[in-house]
């Protein structure tokens, strides 16, 4: 079953290949929703995207600890699209489906190996929202594509071009 990609959430620590992926998403008019650093990278490349705060209607809070932990995001990732009740609830709340999640996390092992790093610094770099989005999307893999490694972007680009904006 091929899934048409219409909306994507991007939250990337490693920006390698991100612009190329976003350019391919733009080819197929995919709405891109991004966390702050990812959004800045795309805007610097003149690629239109919206902030996760604008999408959810909630600004980042608690010094950036809460960005993407919002029902609008996770309902869009977790909703079973052929479940009538899920569809009715999504419509009642005005929540759209999310078809693609592109998240890569801060490499904590490398961070912990840095000389002089404190426990607090490691804790502040621990990504809770990104991890939650990956797990939500993975739980609903029949409807949501998850990409956590920039080395896989080329596969997504190829799939979308081969299937006119869908991935299999």
N, C-alpha and C. Protein backbone atom coordinates (compact mmCIF):
# COMPACT_ATOMS: atom_id res chain seq x y z
N UNK A 1 0.84 -1.18 0.00
CA UNK A 1 0.00 0.00 0.00
C UNK A 1 0.88 1.24 0.00
N UNK A 2 0.71 2.11 -0.95
CA UNK A 2 1.47 3.36 -1.01
C UNK A 2 0.75 4.44 -0.22
N UNK A 3 1.52 5.23 0.51
CA UNK A 3 0.98 6.32 1.31
C UNK A 3 1.37 7.64 0.67
N UNK A 4 0.38 8.44 0.31
CA UNK A 4 0.64 9.76 -0.24
C UNK A 4 1.14 10.66 0.89
N UNK A 5 2.25 11.33 0.65
CA UNK A 5 2.81 12.23 1.65
C UNK A 5 2.25 13.63 1.40
N UNK A 6 1.44 14.10 2.32
CA UNK A 6 0.86 15.44 2.21
C UNK A 6 1.37 16.38 3.29
N UNK A 7 1.74 15.80 4.44
CA UNK A 7 2.18 16.61 5.57
C UNK A 7 3.33 15.89 6.26
N UNK A 8 4.38 16.64 6.59
CA UNK A 8 5.56 16.06 7.23
C UNK A 8 5.98 16.91 8.41
N UNK A 9 6.45 16.24 9.45
CA UNK A 9 7.09 16.92 10.57
C UNK A 9 8.57 16.61 10.50
N UNK A 10 9.38 17.67 10.56
CA UNK A 10 10.83 17.53 10.50
C UNK A 10 11.45 18.15 11.74
N UNK A 11 12.28 17.38 12.42
CA UNK A 11 12.98 17.84 13.62
C UNK A 11 14.34 17.15 13.62
N UNK A 12 15.35 17.86 13.11
CA UNK A 12 16.63 17.20 12.82
C UNK A 12 17.80 17.88 13.52
N UNK A 13 18.51 17.11 14.32
CA UNK A 13 19.76 17.59 14.90
C UNK A 13 20.83 17.62 13.80
N UNK A 14 20.92 16.53 13.05
CA UNK A 14 21.87 16.41 11.94
C UNK A 14 21.19 16.94 10.68
N UNK A 15 21.67 18.05 10.18
CA UNK A 15 21.04 18.70 9.02
C UNK A 15 21.56 18.16 7.68
N UNK A 16 22.41 17.14 7.70
CA UNK A 16 22.95 16.56 6.47
C UNK A 16 21.82 16.11 5.56
N UNK A 17 21.79 16.61 4.34
CA UNK A 17 20.80 16.19 3.35
C UNK A 17 19.41 16.73 3.58
N UNK A 18 19.22 17.52 4.61
CA UNK A 18 17.89 18.02 4.95
C UNK A 18 17.31 18.91 3.85
N UNK A 19 18.12 19.80 3.32
CA UNK A 19 17.64 20.72 2.28
C UNK A 19 17.22 19.93 1.04
N UNK A 20 18.00 18.95 0.66
CA UNK A 20 17.66 18.13 -0.52
C UNK A 20 16.34 17.38 -0.30
N UNK A 21 16.16 16.84 0.90
CA UNK A 21 14.90 16.16 1.20
C UNK A 21 13.74 17.16 1.14
N UNK A 22 13.92 18.31 1.75
CA UNK A 22 12.86 19.32 1.75
C UNK A 22 12.53 19.81 0.34
N UNK A 23 13.54 19.93 -0.50
CA UNK A 23 13.29 20.31 -1.90
C UNK A 23 12.41 19.27 -2.59
N UNK A 24 12.68 18.00 -2.32
CA UNK A 24 11.85 16.94 -2.91
C UNK A 24 10.43 16.98 -2.34
N UNK A 25 10.30 17.23 -1.06
CA UNK A 25 8.97 17.35 -0.47
C UNK A 25 8.21 18.52 -1.09
N UNK A 26 8.94 19.60 -1.33
CA UNK A 26 8.32 20.79 -1.95
C UNK A 26 7.82 20.46 -3.36
N UNK A 27 8.55 19.63 -4.10
CA UNK A 27 8.12 19.23 -5.45
C UNK A 27 6.69 18.68 -5.44
N UNK A 28 6.35 18.00 -4.34
CA UNK A 28 5.04 17.35 -4.24
C UNK A 28 4.09 18.13 -3.33
N UNK A 29 4.43 19.38 -3.06
CA UNK A 29 3.57 20.29 -2.30
C UNK A 29 3.24 19.76 -0.90
N UNK A 30 4.23 19.13 -0.28
CA UNK A 30 4.07 18.62 1.07
C UNK A 30 4.17 19.77 2.06
N UNK A 31 3.22 19.86 2.97
CA UNK A 31 3.32 20.85 4.04
C UNK A 31 4.39 20.37 5.02
N UNK A 32 5.37 21.23 5.29
CA UNK A 32 6.46 20.89 6.19
C UNK A 32 6.31 21.67 7.49
N UNK A 33 6.32 20.94 8.58
CA UNK A 33 6.19 21.50 9.92
C UNK A 33 7.50 21.19 10.64
N UNK A 34 8.13 22.22 11.20
CA UNK A 34 9.49 22.03 11.71
C UNK A 34 9.70 22.62 13.10
N UNK A 35 10.61 22.00 13.83
CA UNK A 35 11.11 22.61 15.05
C UNK A 35 12.07 23.74 14.67
N UNK A 36 12.41 24.58 15.62
CA UNK A 36 13.09 25.85 15.35
C UNK A 36 14.37 25.73 14.52
N UNK A 37 15.30 24.88 14.92
CA UNK A 37 16.57 24.77 14.19
C UNK A 37 16.39 24.24 12.78
N UNK A 38 15.50 23.28 12.63
CA UNK A 38 15.21 22.72 11.32
C UNK A 38 14.52 23.77 10.44
N UNK A 39 13.60 24.50 11.02
CA UNK A 39 12.91 25.57 10.29
C UNK A 39 13.90 26.62 9.80
N UNK A 40 14.83 27.00 10.64
CA UNK A 40 15.84 27.99 10.25
C UNK A 40 16.66 27.50 9.06
N UNK A 41 17.06 26.23 9.08
CA UNK A 41 17.82 25.66 7.97
C UNK A 41 17.02 25.73 6.67
N UNK A 42 15.75 25.38 6.73
CA UNK A 42 14.93 25.40 5.52
C UNK A 42 14.67 26.82 5.04
N UNK A 43 14.41 27.71 5.95
CA UNK A 43 14.17 29.11 5.54
C UNK A 43 15.43 29.72 4.94
N UNK A 44 16.60 29.38 5.47
CA UNK A 44 17.86 29.86 4.90
C UNK A 44 18.03 29.38 3.46
N UNK A 45 17.40 28.24 3.13
CA UNK A 45 17.45 27.69 1.77
C UNK A 45 16.23 28.11 0.95
N UNK A 46 15.47 29.07 1.45
CA UNK A 46 14.26 29.56 0.77
C UNK A 46 13.22 28.47 0.53
N UNK A 47 13.08 27.59 1.51
CA UNK A 47 12.07 26.54 1.45
C UNK A 47 10.99 26.87 2.47
N UNK A 48 9.77 26.96 2.01
CA UNK A 48 8.65 27.32 2.88
C UNK A 48 8.33 26.18 3.84
N UNK A 49 8.17 26.54 5.09
CA UNK A 49 7.78 25.60 6.13
C UNK A 49 7.15 26.40 7.25
N UNK A 50 6.43 25.72 8.12
CA UNK A 50 5.85 26.41 9.27
C UNK A 50 6.44 25.84 10.55
N UNK A 51 6.41 26.64 11.58
CA UNK A 51 6.95 26.19 12.86
C UNK A 51 5.97 25.23 13.52
N UNK A 52 6.52 24.36 14.31
CA UNK A 52 5.68 23.42 15.05
C UNK A 52 4.77 24.19 16.00
N UNK A 53 5.24 25.35 16.49
CA UNK A 53 4.42 26.19 17.37
C UNK A 53 3.22 26.75 16.61
N UNK A 54 3.43 27.21 15.38
CA UNK A 54 2.31 27.72 14.58
C UNK A 54 1.32 26.61 14.26
N UNK A 55 1.83 25.42 13.99
CA UNK A 55 0.97 24.28 13.68
C UNK A 55 0.12 23.89 14.89
N UNK A 56 0.76 23.77 16.05
CA UNK A 56 0.05 23.30 17.24
C UNK A 56 -0.74 24.40 17.94
N UNK A 57 -0.33 25.65 17.70
CA UNK A 57 -0.96 26.76 18.40
C UNK A 57 -0.40 27.00 19.78
N UNK A 58 0.68 26.31 20.12
CA UNK A 58 1.32 26.44 21.43
C UNK A 58 2.79 26.78 21.22
N UNK A 59 3.24 27.86 21.86
CA UNK A 59 4.66 28.23 21.80
C UNK A 59 5.49 27.24 22.61
N UNK A 60 6.76 27.13 22.25
CA UNK A 60 7.68 26.33 23.06
C UNK A 60 7.61 26.83 24.49
N UNK A 61 7.78 25.91 25.44
CA UNK A 61 7.75 26.31 26.84
C UNK A 61 8.78 25.53 27.64
N UNK A 62 8.96 25.93 28.87
CA UNK A 62 9.91 25.28 29.78
C UNK A 62 11.30 25.22 29.17
N UNK A 63 11.76 26.38 28.69
CA UNK A 63 13.10 26.49 28.09
C UNK A 63 13.28 25.54 26.92
N UNK A 64 12.24 25.33 26.13
CA UNK A 64 12.34 24.47 24.96
C UNK A 64 12.13 23.00 25.24
N UNK A 65 11.83 22.65 26.48
CA UNK A 65 11.61 21.23 26.81
C UNK A 65 10.30 20.71 26.23
N UNK A 66 9.33 21.60 26.02
CA UNK A 66 8.05 21.20 25.45
C UNK A 66 7.84 21.97 24.16
N UNK A 67 7.92 21.23 23.05
CA UNK A 67 7.74 21.81 21.72
C UNK A 67 6.69 21.03 20.95
N UNK A 68 6.89 19.74 20.88
CA UNK A 68 6.06 18.91 20.01
C UNK A 68 5.17 17.95 20.78
N UNK A 69 5.13 18.06 22.09
CA UNK A 69 4.28 17.19 22.89
C UNK A 69 2.88 17.82 22.95
N UNK A 70 2.12 17.58 21.90
CA UNK A 70 0.80 18.21 21.77
C UNK A 70 -0.16 17.22 21.10
N UNK A 71 -1.42 17.18 21.55
CA UNK A 71 -2.38 16.25 20.94
C UNK A 71 -2.54 16.43 19.43
N UNK A 72 -2.46 17.66 18.93
CA UNK A 72 -2.62 17.86 17.48
C UNK A 72 -1.54 17.11 16.71
N UNK A 73 -0.35 17.07 17.26
CA UNK A 73 0.76 16.38 16.61
C UNK A 73 0.61 14.88 16.76
N UNK A 74 0.42 14.42 17.99
CA UNK A 74 0.40 12.97 18.22
C UNK A 74 -0.88 12.31 17.73
N UNK A 75 -2.00 13.03 17.74
CA UNK A 75 -3.22 12.47 17.14
C UNK A 75 -3.02 12.29 15.64
N UNK A 76 -2.37 13.27 15.00
CA UNK A 76 -2.09 13.18 13.57
C UNK A 76 -1.17 12.03 13.22
N UNK A 77 -0.34 11.64 14.17
CA UNK A 77 0.58 10.51 13.97
C UNK A 77 -0.06 9.18 14.33
N UNK A 78 -0.88 9.16 15.37
CA UNK A 78 -1.39 7.90 15.92
C UNK A 78 -2.75 7.48 15.37
N UNK A 79 -3.49 8.41 14.79
CA UNK A 79 -4.83 8.08 14.33
C UNK A 79 -4.84 7.01 13.25
N UNK A 80 -5.70 6.03 13.44
CA UNK A 80 -5.86 4.95 12.46
C UNK A 80 -6.87 5.42 11.42
N UNK A 81 -6.40 5.57 10.21
CA UNK A 81 -7.17 6.26 9.18
C UNK A 81 -8.36 5.49 8.64
N UNK A 82 -8.41 4.21 8.86
CA UNK A 82 -9.59 3.46 8.44
C UNK A 82 -10.47 3.11 9.65
N UNK A 83 -10.26 3.81 10.76
CA UNK A 83 -11.09 3.66 11.95
C UNK A 83 -12.05 4.85 11.99
N UNK A 84 -13.34 4.56 11.84
CA UNK A 84 -14.35 5.62 11.74
C UNK A 84 -14.32 6.55 12.96
N UNK A 85 -14.18 6.00 14.15
CA UNK A 85 -14.17 6.82 15.37
C UNK A 85 -12.95 7.74 15.37
N UNK A 86 -11.79 7.21 15.00
CA UNK A 86 -10.58 8.05 14.93
C UNK A 86 -10.79 9.19 13.94
N UNK A 87 -11.36 8.88 12.79
CA UNK A 87 -11.60 9.91 11.77
C UNK A 87 -12.57 10.97 12.29
N UNK A 88 -13.62 10.54 12.96
CA UNK A 88 -14.59 11.49 13.51
C UNK A 88 -13.94 12.39 14.56
N UNK A 89 -13.11 11.80 15.42
CA UNK A 89 -12.44 12.58 16.46
C UNK A 89 -11.45 13.57 15.86
N UNK A 90 -10.72 13.14 14.86
CA UNK A 90 -9.78 14.05 14.19
C UNK A 90 -10.54 15.22 13.58
N UNK A 91 -11.65 14.92 12.92
CA UNK A 91 -12.44 15.97 12.29
C UNK A 91 -13.05 16.90 13.35
N UNK A 92 -13.54 16.34 14.44
CA UNK A 92 -14.16 17.15 15.50
C UNK A 92 -13.17 18.16 16.09
N UNK A 93 -11.91 17.75 16.18
CA UNK A 93 -10.88 18.64 16.75
C UNK A 93 -10.20 19.49 15.68
N UNK A 94 -10.46 19.20 14.42
CA UNK A 94 -9.80 19.93 13.35
C UNK A 94 -8.33 19.57 13.21
N UNK A 95 -7.99 18.34 13.56
CA UNK A 95 -6.60 17.88 13.50
C UNK A 95 -6.34 17.18 12.17
N UNK A 96 -5.28 17.53 11.48
CA UNK A 96 -4.94 16.85 10.22
C UNK A 96 -4.03 15.64 10.47
N UNK A 97 -4.02 14.74 9.51
CA UNK A 97 -3.10 13.60 9.55
C UNK A 97 -1.68 14.08 9.27
N UNK A 98 -0.73 13.38 9.82
CA UNK A 98 0.69 13.60 9.50
C UNK A 98 1.18 12.31 8.85
N UNK A 99 1.80 12.44 7.68
CA UNK A 99 2.16 11.27 6.88
C UNK A 99 3.63 10.87 6.97
N UNK A 100 4.47 11.81 7.35
CA UNK A 100 5.92 11.57 7.36
C UNK A 100 6.52 12.25 8.57
N UNK A 101 7.37 11.53 9.28
CA UNK A 101 8.13 12.08 10.40
C UNK A 101 9.60 11.89 10.09
N UNK A 102 10.33 12.99 10.09
CA UNK A 102 11.77 12.97 9.87
C UNK A 102 12.41 13.54 11.13
N UNK A 103 12.97 12.67 11.93
CA UNK A 103 13.57 13.07 13.21
C UNK A 103 14.91 12.38 13.35
N UNK A 104 15.92 13.15 13.70
CA UNK A 104 17.15 12.52 14.18
C UNK A 104 17.57 13.25 15.44
N UNK A 105 18.00 12.48 16.39
CA UNK A 105 18.23 12.96 17.74
C UNK A 105 19.69 13.33 17.97
N UNK A 106 19.90 14.16 18.97
CA UNK A 106 21.25 14.52 19.39
C UNK A 106 21.96 13.23 19.80
N UNK A 107 23.16 12.98 19.30
CA UNK A 107 23.89 11.76 19.67
C UNK A 107 24.41 11.87 21.11
N UNK A 108 23.62 11.38 22.05
CA UNK A 108 23.95 11.56 23.46
C UNK A 108 25.24 10.85 23.87
N UNK A 109 25.52 9.71 23.27
CA UNK A 109 26.75 8.99 23.63
C UNK A 109 27.97 9.87 23.34
N UNK A 110 28.01 10.47 22.18
CA UNK A 110 29.13 11.35 21.83
C UNK A 110 29.17 12.56 22.76
N UNK A 111 28.02 13.07 23.11
CA UNK A 111 27.96 14.20 24.03
C UNK A 111 28.51 13.82 25.40
N UNK A 112 28.13 12.66 25.89
CA UNK A 112 28.58 12.22 27.21
C UNK A 112 30.09 11.97 27.25
N UNK A 113 30.67 11.68 26.11
CA UNK A 113 32.11 11.42 26.05
C UNK A 113 32.94 12.70 25.97
N UNK A 114 32.29 13.84 25.82
CA UNK A 114 33.03 15.10 25.76
C UNK A 114 33.62 15.42 27.12
N UNK A 115 34.88 15.82 27.16
CA UNK A 115 35.50 16.18 28.44
C UNK A 115 34.78 17.35 29.09
N UNK A 116 34.52 17.24 30.37
CA UNK A 116 33.94 18.33 31.13
C UNK A 116 32.44 18.48 31.03
N UNK A 117 31.78 17.62 30.26
CA UNK A 117 30.33 17.74 30.11
C UNK A 117 29.65 17.40 31.44
N UNK A 118 28.64 18.15 31.78
CA UNK A 118 27.93 17.89 33.04
C UNK A 118 26.67 17.08 32.77
N UNK A 119 26.20 16.46 33.81
CA UNK A 119 24.95 15.71 33.71
C UNK A 119 23.82 16.62 33.26
N UNK A 120 23.77 17.83 33.81
CA UNK A 120 22.71 18.76 33.44
C UNK A 120 22.76 19.12 31.96
N UNK A 121 23.96 19.29 31.41
CA UNK A 121 24.09 19.60 29.98
C UNK A 121 23.57 18.44 29.13
N UNK A 122 23.87 17.22 29.54
CA UNK A 122 23.37 16.06 28.81
C UNK A 122 21.85 16.00 28.90
N UNK A 123 21.32 16.24 30.09
CA UNK A 123 19.86 16.21 30.26
C UNK A 123 19.18 17.25 29.38
N UNK A 124 19.75 18.43 29.27
CA UNK A 124 19.15 19.49 28.46
C UNK A 124 19.18 19.15 26.98
N UNK A 125 20.08 18.29 26.55
CA UNK A 125 20.15 17.88 25.14
C UNK A 125 19.36 16.61 24.84
N UNK A 126 18.74 16.03 25.87
CA UNK A 126 17.96 14.81 25.69
C UNK A 126 16.61 15.17 25.07
N UNK A 127 16.36 14.64 23.90
CA UNK A 127 15.16 14.97 23.11
C UNK A 127 14.00 14.07 23.51
N UNK A 128 13.02 14.64 24.16
CA UNK A 128 11.83 13.89 24.56
C UNK A 128 10.78 13.91 23.45
N UNK A 129 10.51 15.09 22.92
CA UNK A 129 9.48 15.22 21.89
C UNK A 129 9.80 14.47 20.62
N UNK A 130 11.06 14.54 20.18
CA UNK A 130 11.46 13.82 18.97
C UNK A 130 11.30 12.32 19.14
N UNK A 131 11.73 11.84 20.30
CA UNK A 131 11.59 10.41 20.59
C UNK A 131 10.12 10.01 20.60
N UNK A 132 9.29 10.84 21.21
CA UNK A 132 7.86 10.54 21.27
C UNK A 132 7.24 10.52 19.87
N UNK A 133 7.65 11.46 19.01
CA UNK A 133 7.10 11.47 17.64
C UNK A 133 7.52 10.23 16.87
N UNK A 134 8.78 9.82 17.04
CA UNK A 134 9.25 8.61 16.36
C UNK A 134 8.44 7.40 16.82
N UNK A 135 8.21 7.29 18.10
CA UNK A 135 7.46 6.14 18.62
C UNK A 135 5.99 6.19 18.19
N UNK A 136 5.40 7.37 18.21
CA UNK A 136 4.01 7.49 17.75
C UNK A 136 3.88 7.09 16.29
N UNK A 137 4.78 7.58 15.47
CA UNK A 137 4.75 7.26 14.05
C UNK A 137 5.02 5.77 13.82
N UNK A 138 5.98 5.22 14.55
CA UNK A 138 6.30 3.80 14.39
C UNK A 138 5.11 2.92 14.79
N UNK A 139 4.39 3.33 15.82
CA UNK A 139 3.22 2.57 16.25
C UNK A 139 2.15 2.53 15.15
N UNK A 140 2.16 3.54 14.31
CA UNK A 140 1.16 3.66 13.24
C UNK A 140 1.82 3.55 11.87
N UNK A 141 2.77 2.63 11.75
CA UNK A 141 3.59 2.51 10.54
C UNK A 141 2.79 2.23 9.28
N UNK A 142 1.58 1.71 9.42
CA UNK A 142 0.76 1.46 8.22
C UNK A 142 0.39 2.75 7.50
N UNK A 143 0.37 3.85 8.24
CA UNK A 143 -0.07 5.13 7.68
C UNK A 143 0.99 6.22 7.72
N UNK A 144 2.02 6.05 8.53
CA UNK A 144 3.01 7.10 8.73
C UNK A 144 4.40 6.54 8.45
N UNK A 145 5.15 7.26 7.63
CA UNK A 145 6.53 6.89 7.32
C UNK A 145 7.45 7.59 8.31
N UNK A 146 8.41 6.85 8.84
CA UNK A 146 9.36 7.39 9.82
C UNK A 146 10.76 7.29 9.24
N UNK A 147 11.50 8.39 9.31
CA UNK A 147 12.89 8.41 8.86
C UNK A 147 13.73 9.01 9.98
N UNK A 148 14.70 8.24 10.47
CA UNK A 148 15.55 8.72 11.57
C UNK A 148 17.01 8.86 11.17
N UNK A 149 17.35 8.47 9.97
CA UNK A 149 18.74 8.49 9.53
C UNK A 149 18.84 9.26 8.21
N UNK A 150 19.66 10.31 8.17
CA UNK A 150 19.82 11.07 6.92
C UNK A 150 20.25 10.21 5.73
N UNK A 151 20.88 9.08 5.98
CA UNK A 151 21.28 8.20 4.89
C UNK A 151 20.07 7.60 4.17
N UNK A 152 18.89 7.68 4.76
CA UNK A 152 17.66 7.13 4.16
C UNK A 152 16.88 8.16 3.36
N UNK A 153 17.30 9.43 3.40
CA UNK A 153 16.57 10.47 2.67
C UNK A 153 16.50 10.16 1.18
N UNK A 154 17.59 9.67 0.62
CA UNK A 154 17.60 9.37 -0.82
C UNK A 154 16.54 8.33 -1.17
N UNK A 155 16.32 7.37 -0.28
CA UNK A 155 15.29 6.36 -0.51
C UNK A 155 13.90 6.99 -0.55
N UNK A 156 13.65 7.89 0.38
CA UNK A 156 12.35 8.58 0.42
C UNK A 156 12.16 9.41 -0.84
N UNK A 157 13.19 10.15 -1.22
CA UNK A 157 13.12 10.97 -2.43
C UNK A 157 12.83 10.10 -3.65
N UNK A 158 13.56 9.00 -3.77
CA UNK A 158 13.36 8.08 -4.90
C UNK A 158 11.93 7.53 -4.90
N UNK A 159 11.46 7.08 -3.74
CA UNK A 159 10.10 6.53 -3.64
C UNK A 159 9.05 7.56 -4.06
N UNK A 160 9.20 8.77 -3.55
CA UNK A 160 8.20 9.80 -3.87
C UNK A 160 8.20 10.12 -5.36
N UNK A 161 9.36 10.18 -5.95
CA UNK A 161 9.42 10.47 -7.39
C UNK A 161 8.90 9.30 -8.21
N UNK A 162 9.16 8.10 -7.76
CA UNK A 162 8.69 6.91 -8.49
C UNK A 162 7.19 6.71 -8.36
N UNK A 163 6.61 7.18 -7.25
CA UNK A 163 5.19 6.94 -6.97
C UNK A 163 4.38 8.24 -6.90
N UNK A 164 4.86 9.26 -7.59
CA UNK A 164 4.14 10.54 -7.71
C UNK A 164 3.73 11.12 -6.36
N UNK A 165 4.68 11.15 -5.42
CA UNK A 165 4.44 11.76 -4.12
C UNK A 165 4.07 10.80 -3.01
N UNK A 166 4.07 9.52 -3.32
CA UNK A 166 3.74 8.50 -2.31
C UNK A 166 4.97 7.66 -2.01
N UNK A 167 4.93 6.98 -0.88
CA UNK A 167 5.96 6.01 -0.54
C UNK A 167 5.29 4.67 -0.31
N UNK A 168 6.03 3.60 -0.57
CA UNK A 168 5.42 2.27 -0.42
C UNK A 168 5.89 1.59 0.85
